[in-house]
PDB file of all heavy atoms in Angstrom:
ATOM      1  N   GLN A   1     148.216 -90.490-117.840  1.00  0.00           N
ATOM      2  CA  GLN A   1     148.760 -90.054-119.121  1.00  0.00           C
ATOM      3  C   GLN A   1     149.651 -91.134-119.729  1.00  0.00           C
ATOM      4  O   GLN A   1     149.567 -91.419-120.928  1.00  0.00           O
ATOM      5  CB  GLN A   1     149.548 -88.755-118.934  1.00  0.00           C
ATOM      6  CG  GLN A   1     148.678 -87.540-118.668  1.00  0.00           C
ATOM      7  CD  GLN A   1     149.494 -86.315-118.326  1.00  0.00           C
ATOM      8  OE1 GLN A   1     150.539 -86.398-117.664  1.00  0.00           O
ATOM      9  NE2 GLN A   1     149.035 -85.154-118.775  1.00  0.00           N
ATOM     10  N   ARG A   2     150.475 -91.718-118.917  1.00  0.00           N
ATOM     11  CA  ARG A   2     151.354 -92.797-119.396  1.00  0.00           C
ATOM     12  C   ARG A   2     150.524 -93.955-119.960  1.00  0.00           C
ATOM     13  O   ARG A   2     150.871 -94.532-120.998  1.00  0.00           O
ATOM     14  CB  ARG A   2     152.241 -93.267-118.246  1.00  0.00           C
ATOM     15  CG  ARG A   2     153.206 -94.398-118.605  1.00  0.00           C
ATOM     16  CD  ARG A   2     153.940 -94.870-117.355  1.00  0.00           C
ATOM     17  NE  ARG A   2     154.646 -96.111-117.599  1.00  0.00           N
ATOM     18  CZ  ARG A   2     155.939 -96.209-117.873  1.00  0.00           C
ATOM     19  NH1 ARG A   2     156.674 -95.113-117.938  1.00  0.00           N
ATOM     20  NH2 ARG A   2     156.512 -97.386-118.079  1.00  0.00           N
ATOM     21  N   ALA A   3     149.422 -94.267-119.296  1.00  0.00           N
ATOM     22  CA  ALA A   3     148.561 -95.361-119.758  1.00  0.00           C
ATOM     23  C   ALA A   3     147.970 -95.049-121.130  1.00  0.00           C
ATOM     24  O   ALA A   3     147.863 -95.938-121.987  1.00  0.00           O
ATOM     25  CB  ALA A   3     147.452 -95.623-118.741  1.00  0.00           C
ATOM     26  N   ILE A   4     147.590 -93.801-121.364  1.00  0.00           N
ATOM     27  CA  ILE A   4     147.054 -93.398-122.670  1.00  0.00           C
ATOM     28  C   ILE A   4     148.117 -93.541-123.751  1.00  0.00           C
ATOM     29  O   ILE A   4     147.848 -94.008-124.871  1.00  0.00           O
ATOM     30  CB  ILE A   4     146.522 -91.956-122.613  1.00  0.00           C
ATOM     31  CG1 ILE A   4     145.260 -91.887-121.755  1.00  0.00           C
ATOM     32  CG2 ILE A   4     146.227 -91.421-124.019  1.00  0.00           C
ATOM     33  CD1 ILE A   4     144.795 -90.471-121.465  1.00  0.00           C
ATOM     34  N   LEU A   5     149.339 -93.162-123.430  1.00  0.00           N
ATOM     35  CA  LEU A   5     150.424 -93.253-124.404  1.00  0.00           C
ATOM     36  C   LEU A   5     150.682 -94.705-124.789  1.00  0.00           C
ATOM     37  O   LEU A   5     150.887 -95.017-125.964  1.00  0.00           O
ATOM     38  CB  LEU A   5     151.704 -92.628-123.835  1.00  0.00           C
ATOM     39  CG  LEU A   5     151.602 -91.170-123.394  1.00  0.00           C
ATOM     40  CD1 LEU A   5     152.952 -90.682-122.878  1.00  0.00           C
ATOM     41  CD2 LEU A   5     151.126 -90.282-124.535  1.00  0.00           C
ATOM     42  N   ILE A   6     150.664 -95.602-123.807  1.00  0.00           N
ATOM     43  CA  ILE A   6     150.918 -97.015-124.072  1.00  0.00           C
ATOM     44  C   ILE A   6     149.748 -97.660-124.800  1.00  0.00           C
ATOM     45  O   ILE A   6     149.930 -98.526-125.660  1.00  0.00           O
ATOM     46  CB  ILE A   6     151.224 -97.757-122.752  1.00  0.00           C
ATOM     47  CG1 ILE A   6     152.559 -97.272-122.166  1.00  0.00           C
ATOM     48  CG2 ILE A   6     151.254 -99.267-122.957  1.00  0.00           C
ATOM     49  CD1 ILE A   6     152.857 -97.798-120.779  1.00  0.00           C
ATOM     50  N   ALA A   7     148.540 -97.243-124.499  1.00  0.00           N
ATOM     51  CA  ALA A   7     147.358 -97.862-125.085  1.00  0.00           C
ATOM     52  C   ALA A   7     147.086 -97.396-126.511  1.00  0.00           C
ATOM     53  O   ALA A   7     146.599 -98.176-127.337  1.00  0.00           O
ATOM     54  CB  ALA A   7     146.125 -97.585-124.226  1.00  0.00           C
ATOM     55  N   GLU A   8     147.409 -96.121-126.822  1.00  0.00           N
ATOM     56  CA  GLU A   8     147.001 -95.659-128.140  1.00  0.00           C
ATOM     57  C   GLU A   8     147.843 -94.572-128.784  1.00  0.00           C
ATOM     58  O   GLU A   8     148.019 -94.582-130.000  1.00  0.00           O
ATOM     59  CB  GLU A   8     145.553 -95.172-128.105  1.00  0.00           C
ATOM     60  CG  GLU A   8     145.240 -94.040-127.142  1.00  0.00           C
ATOM     61  CD  GLU A   8     143.774 -93.635-127.210  1.00  0.00           C
ATOM     62  OE1 GLU A   8     143.253 -93.448-128.321  1.00  0.00           O
ATOM     63  OE2 GLU A   8     143.148 -93.521-126.140  1.00  0.00           O
ATOM     64  N   GLU A   9     148.380 -93.623-128.041  1.00  0.00           N
ATOM     65  CA  GLU A   9     149.012 -92.486-128.693  1.00  0.00           C
ATOM     66  C   GLU A   9     150.443 -92.748-129.138  1.00  0.00           C
ATOM     67  O   GLU A   9     150.899 -92.197-130.140  1.00  0.00           O
ATOM     68  CB  GLU A   9     148.996 -91.257-127.771  1.00  0.00           C
ATOM     69  CG  GLU A   9     147.655 -90.577-127.671  1.00  0.00           C
ATOM     70  CD  GLU A   9     147.775 -89.138-127.193  1.00  0.00           C
ATOM     71  OE1 GLU A   9     148.908 -88.654-126.965  1.00  0.00           O
ATOM     72  OE2 GLU A   9     146.729 -88.490-127.050  1.00  0.00           O
ATOM     73  N   GLY A  10     151.186 -93.569-128.393  1.00  0.00           N
ATOM     74  CA  GLY A  10     152.594 -93.719-128.686  1.00  0.00           C
ATOM     75  C   GLY A  10     153.389 -92.502-128.233  1.00  0.00           C
ATOM     76  O   GLY A  10     152.871 -91.607-127.564  1.00  0.00           O
ATOM     77  N   TRP A  11     154.658 -92.446-128.622  1.00  0.00           N
ATOM     78  CA  TRP A  11     155.552 -91.392-128.159  1.00  0.00           C
ATOM     79  C   TRP A  11     156.698 -91.249-129.144  1.00  0.00           C
ATOM     80  O   TRP A  11     156.913 -92.128-129.991  1.00  0.00           O
ATOM     81  CB  TRP A  11     156.078 -91.730-126.764  1.00  0.00           C
ATOM     82  CG  TRP A  11     156.717 -90.595-126.023  1.00  0.00           C
ATOM     83  CD1 TRP A  11     158.043 -90.423-125.747  1.00  0.00           C
ATOM     84  CD2 TRP A  11     156.046 -89.464-125.439  1.00  0.00           C
ATOM     85  NE1 TRP A  11     158.242 -89.268-125.030  1.00  0.00           N
ATOM     86  CE2 TRP A  11     157.035 -88.653-124.832  1.00  0.00           C
ATOM     87  CE3 TRP A  11     154.713 -89.065-125.389  1.00  0.00           C
ATOM     88  CZ2 TRP A  11     156.729 -87.467-124.171  1.00  0.00           C
ATOM     89  CZ3 TRP A  11     154.410 -87.884-124.727  1.00  0.00           C
ATOM     90  CH2 TRP A  11     155.401 -87.092-124.127  1.00  0.00           C
ATOM     91  N   ILE A  12     157.404 -90.139-129.064  1.00  0.00           N
ATOM     92  CA  ILE A  12     158.612 -89.922-129.849  1.00  0.00           C
ATOM     93  C   ILE A  12     159.813 -90.214-128.961  1.00  0.00           C
ATOM     94  O   ILE A  12     159.927 -89.644-127.873  1.00  0.00           O
ATOM     95  CB  ILE A  12     158.688 -88.468-130.345  1.00  0.00           C
ATOM     96  CG1 ILE A  12     157.508 -88.153-131.277  1.00  0.00           C
ATOM     97  CG2 ILE A  12     160.022 -88.214-131.064  1.00  0.00           C
ATOM     98  CD1 ILE A  12     157.365 -86.667-131.581  1.00  0.00           C
ATOM     99  N   ALA A  13     160.686 -91.096-129.391  1.00  0.00           N
ATOM    100  CA  ALA A  13     161.864 -91.414-128.592  1.00  0.00           C
ATOM    101  C   ALA A  13     162.657 -90.143-128.300  1.00  0.00           C
ATOM    102  O   ALA A  13     163.060 -89.434-129.209  1.00  0.00           O
ATOM    103  CB  ALA A  13     162.745 -92.422-129.325  1.00  0.00           C
ATOM    104  N   GLY A  14     162.842 -89.860-127.019  1.00  0.00           N
ATOM    105  CA  GLY A  14     163.592 -88.682-126.605  1.00  0.00           C
ATOM    106  C   GLY A  14     162.749 -87.479-126.270  1.00  0.00           C
ATOM    107  O   GLY A  14     163.268 -86.511-125.677  1.00  0.00           O
ATOM    108  N   ALA A  15     161.478 -87.481-126.625  1.00  0.00           N
ATOM    109  CA  ALA A  15     160.623 -86.323-126.333  1.00  0.00           C
ATOM    110  C   ALA A  15     160.528 -86.105-124.833  1.00  0.00           C
ATOM    111  O   ALA A  15     160.342 -87.042-124.061  1.00  0.00           O
ATOM    112  CB  ALA A  15     159.223 -86.537-126.911  1.00  0.00           C
ATOM    113  N   GLY A  16     160.687 -84.854-124.420  1.00  0.00           N
ATOM    114  CA  GLY A  16     160.610 -84.513-123.012  1.00  0.00           C
ATOM    115  C   GLY A  16     161.932 -84.568-122.270  1.00  0.00           C
ATOM    116  O   GLY A  16     161.993 -84.226-121.094  1.00  0.00           O
ATOM    117  N   HIS A  17     162.985 -84.992-122.961  1.00  0.00           N
ATOM    118  CA  HIS A  17     164.305 -85.077-122.327  1.00  0.00           C
ATOM    119  C   HIS A  17     165.183 -83.938-122.841  1.00  0.00           C
ATOM    120  O   HIS A  17     166.242 -84.154-123.447  1.00  0.00           O
ATOM    121  CB  HIS A  17     164.931 -86.440-122.593  1.00  0.00           C
ATOM    122  CG  HIS A  17     164.200 -87.571-121.946  1.00  0.00           C
ATOM    123  ND1 HIS A  17     164.163 -87.738-120.572  1.00  0.00           N
ATOM    124  CD2 HIS A  17     163.450 -88.575-122.470  1.00  0.00           C
ATOM    125  CE1 HIS A  17     163.434 -88.818-120.290  1.00  0.00           C
ATOM    126  NE2 HIS A  17     162.988 -89.338-121.418  1.00  0.00           N
ATOM    127  N   GLN A  18     164.738 -82.722-122.586  1.00  0.00           N
ATOM    128  CA  GLN A  18     165.425 -81.552-123.116  1.00  0.00           C
ATOM    129  C   GLN A  18     166.864 -81.446-122.618  1.00  0.00           C
ATOM    130  O   GLN A  18     167.773 -81.086-123.378  1.00  0.00           O
ATOM    131  CB  GLN A  18     164.656 -80.278-122.748  1.00  0.00           C
ATOM    132  CG  GLN A  18     163.380 -80.068-123.536  1.00  0.00           C
ATOM    133  CD  GLN A  18     162.202 -80.861-122.987  1.00  0.00           C
ATOM    134  OE1 GLN A  18     162.332 -81.584-121.994  1.00  0.00           O
ATOM    135  NE2 GLN A  18     161.057 -80.734-123.632  1.00  0.00           N
ATOM    136  N   ALA A  19     167.111 -81.757-121.343  1.00  0.00           N
ATOM    137  CA  ALA A  19     168.456 -81.631-120.804  1.00  0.00           C
ATOM    138  C   ALA A  19     169.410 -82.611-121.484  1.00  0.00           C
ATOM    139  O   ALA A  19     170.549 -82.251-121.831  1.00  0.00           O
ATOM    140  CB  ALA A  19     168.438 -81.886-119.298  1.00  0.00           C
ATOM    141  N   LEU A  20     168.941 -83.822-121.699  1.00  0.00           N
ATOM    142  CA  LEU A  20     169.759 -84.815-122.368  1.00  0.00           C
ATOM    143  C   LEU A  20     170.018 -84.441-123.825  1.00  0.00           C
ATOM    144  O   LEU A  20     171.129 -84.585-124.340  1.00  0.00           O
ATOM    145  CB  LEU A  20     169.088 -86.183-122.276  1.00  0.00           C
ATOM    146  CG  LEU A  20     169.866 -87.420-122.754  1.00  0.00           C
ATOM    147  CD1 LEU A  20     171.252 -87.470-122.121  1.00  0.00           C
ATOM    148  CD2 LEU A  20     169.089 -88.673-122.434  1.00  0.00           C
ATOM    149  N   LEU A  21     168.979 -83.922-124.479  1.00  0.00           N
ATOM    150  CA  LEU A  21     169.137 -83.483-125.866  1.00  0.00           C
ATOM    151  C   LEU A  21     170.102 -82.313-125.956  1.00  0.00           C
ATOM    152  O   LEU A  21     170.895 -82.213-126.908  1.00  0.00           O
ATOM    153  CB  LEU A  21     167.776 -83.096-126.455  1.00  0.00           C
ATOM    154  CG  LEU A  21     166.824 -84.262-126.748  1.00  0.00           C
ATOM    155  CD1 LEU A  21     165.403 -83.748-127.019  1.00  0.00           C
ATOM    156  CD2 LEU A  21     167.332 -85.068-127.951  1.00  0.00           C
ATOM    157  N   ALA A  22     170.052 -81.433-124.981  1.00  0.00           N
ATOM    158  CA  ALA A  22     170.971 -80.291-124.974  1.00  0.00           C
ATOM    159  C   ALA A  22     172.415 -80.764-124.840  1.00  0.00           C
ATOM    160  O   ALA A  22     173.326 -80.220-125.482  1.00  0.00           O
ATOM    161  CB  ALA A  22     170.623 -79.345-123.837  1.00  0.00           C
ATOM    162  N   GLN A  23     172.632 -81.796-124.030  1.00  0.00           N
ATOM    163  CA  GLN A  23     173.976 -82.358-123.909  1.00  0.00           C
ATOM    164  C   GLN A  23     174.457 -82.920-125.239  1.00  0.00           C
ATOM    165  O   GLN A  23     175.607 -82.745-125.632  1.00  0.00           O
ATOM    166  CB  GLN A  23     173.982 -83.464-122.855  1.00  0.00           C
ATOM    167  CG  GLN A  23     173.768 -83.000-121.422  1.00  0.00           C
ATOM    168  CD  GLN A  23     173.741 -84.172-120.451  1.00  0.00           C
ATOM    169  OE1 GLN A  23     174.361 -85.208-120.685  1.00  0.00           O
ATOM    170  NE2 GLN A  23     173.008 -84.012-119.364  1.00  0.00           N
ATOM    171  N   LEU A  24     173.553 -83.603-125.949  1.00  0.00           N
ATOM    172  CA  LEU A  24     173.917 -84.174-127.247  1.00  0.00           C
ATOM    173  C   LEU A  24     174.255 -83.073-128.234  1.00  0.00           C
ATOM    174  O   LEU A  24     175.193 -83.197-129.025  1.00  0.00           O
ATOM    175  CB  LEU A  24     172.778 -85.041-127.779  1.00  0.00           C
ATOM    176  CG  LEU A  24     172.480 -86.343-127.022  1.00  0.00           C
ATOM    177  CD1 LEU A  24     171.221 -86.991-127.563  1.00  0.00           C
ATOM    178  CD2 LEU A  24     173.662 -87.305-127.137  1.00  0.00           C
ATOM    179  N   ARG A  25     173.477 -81.985-128.206  1.00  0.00           N
ATOM    180  CA  ARG A  25     173.722 -80.888-129.145  1.00  0.00           C
ATOM    181  C   ARG A  25     175.072 -80.214-128.858  1.00  0.00           C
ATOM    182  O   ARG A  25     175.817 -79.875-129.770  1.00  0.00           O
ATOM    183  CB  ARG A  25     172.592 -79.872-129.074  1.00  0.00           C
ATOM    184  CG  ARG A  25     171.246 -80.385-129.557  1.00  0.00           C
ATOM    185  CD  ARG A  25     170.209 -79.268-129.654  1.00  0.00           C
ATOM    186  NE  ARG A  25     168.908 -79.807-130.004  1.00  0.00           N
ATOM    187  CZ  ARG A  25     167.916 -80.024-129.152  1.00  0.00           C
ATOM    188  NH1 ARG A  25     168.101 -79.727-127.860  1.00  0.00           N
ATOM    189  NH2 ARG A  25     166.767 -80.515-129.532  1.00  0.00           N
TER     190      ARG A  25
END
């Protein structure tokens, strides 16, 4: 999955880091 993201899909900075985002909120 990581290889697909790097090769073509990209990612949203912070996506999947719910605990960290909750701390920020």
